[in-house]
């Protein structure tokens, strides 16, 4: 699972920092349903990335899914198990506590050189 997230993240990072961001984003969201099919199958069967136990991999998965959802809020609508997983992860006490703290900023999630995600937002 960790390798899958690393691969997805590399695709997203390449897109965010590319001069062809708009075209790559369009293609990314066309390809995303196929990319999510394996995650959907996994989360229909298991509660967490590692099975029945929350692990550090869930924080990578949760972060990646959250960032993709920030780009397009409807992107998981056809993958209900992925959507449920992200909601469950986002509602973990420590995640809620962190995201509601004064030090948390929703954005930026990228550097100023990126084509997306570099704006400031609390």
N, C-alpha and C. Protein backbone atom coordinates (compact mmCIF):
# COMPACT_ATOMS: atom_id res chain seq x y z
N UNK A 1 0.82 -1.20 0.00
CA UNK A 1 0.00 0.00 0.00
C UNK A 1 0.86 1.26 0.00
N UNK A 2 1.95 1.24 0.76
CA UNK A 2 2.82 2.41 0.81
C UNK A 2 3.37 2.74 -0.57
N UNK A 3 3.77 1.72 -1.33
CA UNK A 3 4.29 1.92 -2.67
C UNK A 3 3.25 2.50 -3.61
N UNK A 4 2.01 2.07 -3.46
CA UNK A 4 0.92 2.58 -4.29
C UNK A 4 0.75 4.08 -4.05
N UNK A 5 0.75 4.47 -2.78
CA UNK A 5 0.60 5.88 -2.44
C UNK A 5 1.79 6.69 -2.94
N UNK A 6 2.98 6.14 -2.84
CA UNK A 6 4.17 6.82 -3.34
C UNK A 6 4.05 7.05 -4.84
N UNK A 7 3.58 6.06 -5.56
CA UNK A 7 3.40 6.19 -7.01
C UNK A 7 2.36 7.26 -7.34
N UNK A 8 1.21 7.23 -6.64
CA UNK A 8 0.18 8.25 -6.85
C UNK A 8 0.72 9.63 -6.55
N UNK A 9 1.43 9.73 -5.44
CA UNK A 9 1.95 11.03 -5.02
C UNK A 9 2.92 11.59 -6.06
N UNK A 10 3.73 10.74 -6.67
CA UNK A 10 4.67 11.20 -7.70
C UNK A 10 3.92 11.76 -8.90
N UNK A 11 2.83 11.11 -9.28
CA UNK A 11 2.01 11.62 -10.39
C UNK A 11 1.46 13.00 -10.06
N UNK A 12 0.95 13.14 -8.84
CA UNK A 12 0.36 14.41 -8.41
C UNK A 12 1.42 15.51 -8.33
N UNK A 13 2.56 15.20 -7.76
CA UNK A 13 3.63 16.20 -7.66
C UNK A 13 4.10 16.66 -9.03
N UNK A 14 4.26 15.72 -9.95
CA UNK A 14 4.66 16.06 -11.31
C UNK A 14 3.63 17.00 -11.93
N UNK A 15 2.36 16.70 -11.73
CA UNK A 15 1.29 17.53 -12.27
C UNK A 15 1.33 18.93 -11.66
N UNK A 16 1.43 19.02 -10.34
CA UNK A 16 1.40 20.32 -9.67
C UNK A 16 2.51 21.25 -10.11
N UNK A 17 3.68 20.69 -10.43
CA UNK A 17 4.84 21.52 -10.76
C UNK A 17 5.07 21.66 -12.25
N UNK A 18 4.19 21.13 -13.06
CA UNK A 18 4.36 21.18 -14.51
C UNK A 18 3.76 22.46 -15.10
N UNK A 19 4.41 22.95 -16.13
CA UNK A 19 3.84 24.08 -16.88
C UNK A 19 2.56 23.65 -17.60
N UNK A 20 2.39 22.36 -17.79
CA UNK A 20 1.20 21.81 -18.44
C UNK A 20 0.16 21.36 -17.41
N UNK A 21 0.12 22.04 -16.28
CA UNK A 21 -0.75 21.63 -15.17
C UNK A 21 -2.20 21.42 -15.60
N UNK A 22 -2.77 22.34 -16.34
CA UNK A 22 -4.19 22.25 -16.69
C UNK A 22 -4.47 20.98 -17.49
N UNK A 23 -3.65 20.71 -18.49
CA UNK A 23 -3.85 19.50 -19.30
C UNK A 23 -3.59 18.24 -18.49
N UNK A 24 -2.55 18.25 -17.66
CA UNK A 24 -2.24 17.08 -16.84
C UNK A 24 -3.32 16.83 -15.80
N UNK A 25 -3.88 17.90 -15.24
CA UNK A 25 -4.95 17.74 -14.26
C UNK A 25 -6.19 17.14 -14.91
N UNK A 26 -6.51 17.60 -16.11
CA UNK A 26 -7.66 17.02 -16.82
C UNK A 26 -7.45 15.52 -17.04
N UNK A 27 -6.25 15.15 -17.48
CA UNK A 27 -5.96 13.74 -17.72
C UNK A 27 -5.93 12.95 -16.41
N UNK A 28 -5.38 13.56 -15.37
CA UNK A 28 -5.32 12.91 -14.07
C UNK A 28 -6.72 12.53 -13.59
N UNK A 29 -7.65 13.47 -13.67
CA UNK A 29 -9.00 13.19 -13.18
C UNK A 29 -9.77 12.23 -14.10
N UNK A 30 -9.36 12.13 -15.35
CA UNK A 30 -9.93 11.09 -16.22
C UNK A 30 -9.41 9.72 -15.83
N UNK A 31 -8.13 9.66 -15.45
CA UNK A 31 -7.47 8.40 -15.09
C UNK A 31 -7.71 7.99 -13.64
N UNK A 32 -8.09 8.94 -12.80
CA UNK A 32 -8.21 8.68 -11.36
C UNK A 32 -9.15 7.52 -11.01
N UNK A 33 -10.32 7.39 -11.63
CA UNK A 33 -11.18 6.27 -11.25
C UNK A 33 -10.49 4.91 -11.37
N UNK A 34 -9.74 4.71 -12.42
CA UNK A 34 -9.02 3.44 -12.57
C UNK A 34 -7.94 3.30 -11.50
N UNK A 35 -7.29 4.41 -11.14
CA UNK A 35 -6.27 4.37 -10.10
C UNK A 35 -6.87 4.03 -8.74
N UNK A 36 -8.11 4.46 -8.53
CA UNK A 36 -8.77 4.25 -7.24
C UNK A 36 -9.41 2.88 -7.09
N UNK A 37 -9.57 2.16 -8.19
CA UNK A 37 -10.27 0.87 -8.12
C UNK A 37 -9.63 -0.10 -7.13
N UNK A 38 -8.30 -0.18 -7.11
CA UNK A 38 -7.64 -1.08 -6.17
C UNK A 38 -7.83 -0.63 -4.72
N UNK A 39 -7.76 0.68 -4.50
CA UNK A 39 -8.01 1.20 -3.15
C UNK A 39 -9.45 0.92 -2.73
N UNK A 40 -10.37 1.09 -3.64
CA UNK A 40 -11.78 0.82 -3.36
C UNK A 40 -11.96 -0.63 -2.92
N UNK A 41 -11.36 -1.54 -3.67
CA UNK A 41 -11.46 -2.97 -3.32
C UNK A 41 -10.84 -3.23 -1.95
N UNK A 42 -9.69 -2.61 -1.69
CA UNK A 42 -9.01 -2.81 -0.41
C UNK A 42 -9.88 -2.31 0.75
N UNK A 43 -10.43 -1.10 0.62
CA UNK A 43 -11.19 -0.51 1.72
C UNK A 43 -12.59 -1.09 1.86
N UNK A 44 -13.04 -1.82 0.90
CA UNK A 44 -14.28 -2.59 1.08
C UNK A 44 -14.02 -3.79 1.98
N UNK A 45 -12.79 -4.26 1.93
CA UNK A 45 -12.41 -5.47 2.67
C UNK A 45 -11.78 -5.15 4.03
N UNK A 46 -11.00 -4.07 4.09
CA UNK A 46 -10.23 -3.74 5.30
C UNK A 46 -10.55 -2.33 5.78
N UNK A 47 -10.43 -2.16 7.08
CA UNK A 47 -10.70 -0.86 7.69
C UNK A 47 -9.59 0.16 7.41
N UNK A 48 -8.34 -0.30 7.45
CA UNK A 48 -7.19 0.60 7.31
C UNK A 48 -6.24 0.07 6.23
N UNK A 49 -5.26 0.86 5.89
CA UNK A 49 -4.31 0.50 4.84
C UNK A 49 -3.61 -0.82 5.15
N UNK A 50 -3.29 -1.03 6.42
CA UNK A 50 -2.60 -2.25 6.82
C UNK A 50 -3.53 -3.37 7.25
N UNK A 51 -4.81 -3.20 7.06
CA UNK A 51 -5.77 -4.23 7.47
C UNK A 51 -6.67 -3.71 8.57
N UNK A 52 -6.58 -4.33 9.74
CA UNK A 52 -7.47 -3.94 10.84
C UNK A 52 -6.84 -2.94 11.80
N UNK A 53 -5.57 -2.58 11.56
CA UNK A 53 -4.85 -1.70 12.48
C UNK A 53 -4.39 -0.43 11.76
N UNK A 54 -4.62 0.70 12.39
CA UNK A 54 -4.13 1.98 11.89
C UNK A 54 -2.60 1.98 11.95
N UNK A 55 -1.94 2.37 10.85
CA UNK A 55 -0.48 2.44 10.81
C UNK A 55 -0.04 3.77 10.21
N UNK A 56 1.26 4.00 10.18
CA UNK A 56 1.79 5.23 9.59
C UNK A 56 1.40 5.35 8.12
N UNK A 57 1.19 4.23 7.44
CA UNK A 57 0.81 4.27 6.03
C UNK A 57 -0.53 4.98 5.86
N UNK A 58 -1.42 4.83 6.83
CA UNK A 58 -2.71 5.51 6.75
C UNK A 58 -2.55 7.02 6.72
N UNK A 59 -1.51 7.54 7.35
CA UNK A 59 -1.30 8.98 7.33
C UNK A 59 -0.83 9.44 5.96
N UNK A 60 -0.06 8.62 5.26
CA UNK A 60 0.32 8.94 3.89
C UNK A 60 -0.89 8.84 2.96
N UNK A 61 -1.67 7.77 3.12
CA UNK A 61 -2.87 7.58 2.30
C UNK A 61 -3.86 8.71 2.56
N UNK A 62 -4.12 8.99 3.83
CA UNK A 62 -5.06 10.04 4.19
C UNK A 62 -4.65 11.40 3.67
N UNK A 63 -3.37 11.72 3.78
CA UNK A 63 -2.88 13.01 3.28
C UNK A 63 -3.05 13.10 1.78
N UNK A 64 -2.68 12.04 1.07
CA UNK A 64 -2.78 12.07 -0.38
C UNK A 64 -4.24 12.20 -0.83
N UNK A 65 -5.11 11.41 -0.24
CA UNK A 65 -6.52 11.48 -0.62
C UNK A 65 -7.10 12.86 -0.29
N UNK A 66 -6.73 13.40 0.84
CA UNK A 66 -7.21 14.74 1.21
C UNK A 66 -6.76 15.78 0.19
N UNK A 67 -5.51 15.72 -0.23
CA UNK A 67 -5.00 16.70 -1.18
C UNK A 67 -5.68 16.57 -2.54
N UNK A 68 -5.92 15.34 -2.97
CA UNK A 68 -6.62 15.14 -4.23
C UNK A 68 -8.06 15.66 -4.13
N UNK A 69 -8.70 15.39 -3.00
CA UNK A 69 -10.07 15.87 -2.80
C UNK A 69 -10.12 17.40 -2.75
N UNK A 70 -9.08 18.04 -2.25
CA UNK A 70 -9.03 19.51 -2.25
C UNK A 70 -9.02 20.05 -3.68
N UNK A 71 -8.46 19.29 -4.59
CA UNK A 71 -8.44 19.71 -5.99
C UNK A 71 -9.81 19.58 -6.64
N UNK A 72 -10.51 18.51 -6.30
CA UNK A 72 -11.83 18.25 -6.90
C UNK A 72 -12.68 17.50 -5.87
N UNK A 73 -13.60 18.20 -5.27
CA UNK A 73 -14.34 17.66 -4.13
C UNK A 73 -15.20 16.44 -4.47
N UNK A 74 -15.53 16.25 -5.72
CA UNK A 74 -16.38 15.13 -6.12
C UNK A 74 -15.59 13.92 -6.63
N UNK A 75 -14.29 13.96 -6.53
CA UNK A 75 -13.46 12.94 -7.18
C UNK A 75 -13.64 11.53 -6.62
N UNK A 76 -14.18 11.38 -5.42
CA UNK A 76 -14.36 10.05 -4.83
C UNK A 76 -15.82 9.60 -4.83
N UNK A 77 -16.67 10.35 -5.47
CA UNK A 77 -18.11 10.04 -5.44
C UNK A 77 -18.44 8.64 -5.96
N UNK A 78 -17.66 8.13 -6.89
CA UNK A 78 -17.91 6.79 -7.43
C UNK A 78 -17.09 5.72 -6.73
N UNK A 79 -16.45 6.10 -5.64
CA UNK A 79 -15.64 5.16 -4.85
C UNK A 79 -16.02 5.33 -3.38
N UNK A 80 -17.19 4.82 -3.00
CA UNK A 80 -17.71 5.07 -1.64
C UNK A 80 -16.83 4.53 -0.52
N UNK A 81 -16.14 3.42 -0.74
CA UNK A 81 -15.27 2.89 0.33
C UNK A 81 -14.07 3.80 0.54
N UNK A 82 -13.54 4.39 -0.54
CA UNK A 82 -12.44 5.35 -0.42
C UNK A 82 -12.93 6.60 0.31
N UNK A 83 -14.09 7.04 -0.07
CA UNK A 83 -14.68 8.24 0.56
C UNK A 83 -14.93 8.00 2.06
N UNK A 84 -15.44 6.82 2.39
CA UNK A 84 -15.68 6.47 3.80
C UNK A 84 -14.37 6.39 4.57
N UNK A 85 -13.35 5.79 3.95
CA UNK A 85 -12.03 5.70 4.58
C UNK A 85 -11.50 7.10 4.89
N UNK A 86 -11.55 8.00 3.91
CA UNK A 86 -11.03 9.35 4.11
C UNK A 86 -11.79 10.06 5.22
N UNK A 87 -13.10 9.89 5.25
CA UNK A 87 -13.90 10.52 6.31
C UNK A 87 -13.51 9.96 7.67
N UNK A 88 -13.36 8.64 7.75
CA UNK A 88 -12.98 8.00 9.02
C UNK A 88 -11.59 8.48 9.45
N UNK A 89 -10.65 8.55 8.50
CA UNK A 89 -9.31 9.03 8.82
C UNK A 89 -9.37 10.49 9.29
N UNK A 90 -10.10 11.32 8.56
CA UNK A 90 -10.19 12.75 8.89
C UNK A 90 -10.86 12.99 10.22
N UNK A 91 -11.66 12.03 10.70
CA UNK A 91 -12.35 12.18 11.98
C UNK A 91 -11.60 11.55 13.15
N UNK A 92 -10.41 11.05 12.92
CA UNK A 92 -9.59 10.56 14.04
C UNK A 92 -9.33 11.73 14.99
N UNK A 93 -9.41 11.49 16.28
CA UNK A 93 -9.27 12.56 17.28
C UNK A 93 -8.02 13.41 17.06
N UNK A 94 -6.90 12.77 16.84
CA UNK A 94 -5.63 13.51 16.68
C UNK A 94 -5.62 14.32 15.39
N UNK A 95 -6.22 13.81 14.34
CA UNK A 95 -6.29 14.54 13.07
C UNK A 95 -7.21 15.75 13.23
N UNK A 96 -8.36 15.55 13.85
CA UNK A 96 -9.29 16.65 14.10
C UNK A 96 -8.61 17.71 14.97
N UNK A 97 -7.93 17.28 16.01
CA UNK A 97 -7.24 18.20 16.91
C UNK A 97 -6.18 19.02 16.16
N UNK A 98 -5.40 18.34 15.33
CA UNK A 98 -4.36 19.03 14.56
C UNK A 98 -4.98 20.03 13.59
N UNK A 99 -5.98 19.59 12.85
CA UNK A 99 -6.58 20.45 11.83
C UNK A 99 -7.37 21.61 12.42
N UNK A 100 -7.75 21.52 13.67
CA UNK A 100 -8.48 22.62 14.30
C UNK A 100 -7.57 23.51 15.14
N UNK A 101 -6.29 23.19 15.18
CA UNK A 101 -5.34 23.99 15.97
C UNK A 101 -4.99 25.28 15.21
N UNK A 102 -4.59 26.32 15.94
CA UNK A 102 -4.23 27.59 15.31
C UNK A 102 -3.01 27.48 14.39
N UNK A 103 -2.20 26.48 14.59
CA UNK A 103 -1.00 26.34 13.75
C UNK A 103 -1.27 25.63 12.43
N UNK A 104 -2.47 25.08 12.26
CA UNK A 104 -2.78 24.35 11.03
C UNK A 104 -3.23 25.30 9.93
N UNK A 105 -2.66 25.13 8.75
CA UNK A 105 -3.08 25.85 7.56
C UNK A 105 -3.50 24.82 6.51
N UNK A 106 -4.66 25.01 5.93
CA UNK A 106 -5.14 24.12 4.88
C UNK A 106 -4.21 24.19 3.67
N UNK A 107 -3.78 25.38 3.35
CA UNK A 107 -2.84 25.65 2.28
C UNK A 107 -1.78 26.60 2.82
N UNK A 108 -0.59 26.61 2.29
CA UNK A 108 -0.12 25.91 1.10
C UNK A 108 0.25 24.46 1.41
N UNK A 109 0.11 23.63 0.39
CA UNK A 109 0.59 22.25 0.49
C UNK A 109 1.73 22.02 -0.49
N UNK A 110 2.02 23.03 -1.27
CA UNK A 110 3.15 22.98 -2.21
C UNK A 110 3.96 24.25 -2.05
N UNK A 111 5.07 24.32 -2.75
CA UNK A 111 5.87 25.54 -2.72
C UNK A 111 5.33 26.55 -3.72
N UNK A 112 5.88 27.73 -3.70
CA UNK A 112 5.43 28.80 -4.60
C UNK A 112 5.65 28.46 -6.07
N UNK A 113 6.52 27.54 -6.35
CA UNK A 113 6.81 27.18 -7.75
C UNK A 113 5.74 26.29 -8.37
N UNK A 114 4.88 25.72 -7.54
CA UNK A 114 3.84 24.83 -8.04
C UNK A 114 2.74 25.62 -8.73
N UNK A 115 2.03 24.96 -9.62
CA UNK A 115 0.92 25.57 -10.34
C UNK A 115 -0.40 25.48 -9.55
N UNK A 116 -0.40 24.66 -8.51
CA UNK A 116 -1.59 24.51 -7.69
C UNK A 116 -1.16 24.22 -6.26
N UNK A 117 -1.96 24.65 -5.29
CA UNK A 117 -1.73 24.31 -3.89
C UNK A 117 -0.79 25.23 -3.16
N UNK A 118 -0.39 26.32 -3.79
CA UNK A 118 0.61 27.20 -3.17
C UNK A 118 0.01 28.44 -2.51
N UNK A 119 -1.30 28.59 -2.56
CA UNK A 119 -1.94 29.75 -1.95
C UNK A 119 -2.11 29.53 -0.45
N UNK A 120 -2.17 30.61 0.28
CA UNK A 120 -2.35 30.51 1.74
C UNK A 120 -3.83 30.47 2.08
N UNK A 121 -4.19 29.53 2.95
CA UNK A 121 -5.57 29.45 3.43
C UNK A 121 -5.57 28.74 4.77
N UNK A 122 -6.26 29.29 5.72
CA UNK A 122 -6.39 28.66 7.05
C UNK A 122 -7.47 27.63 7.03
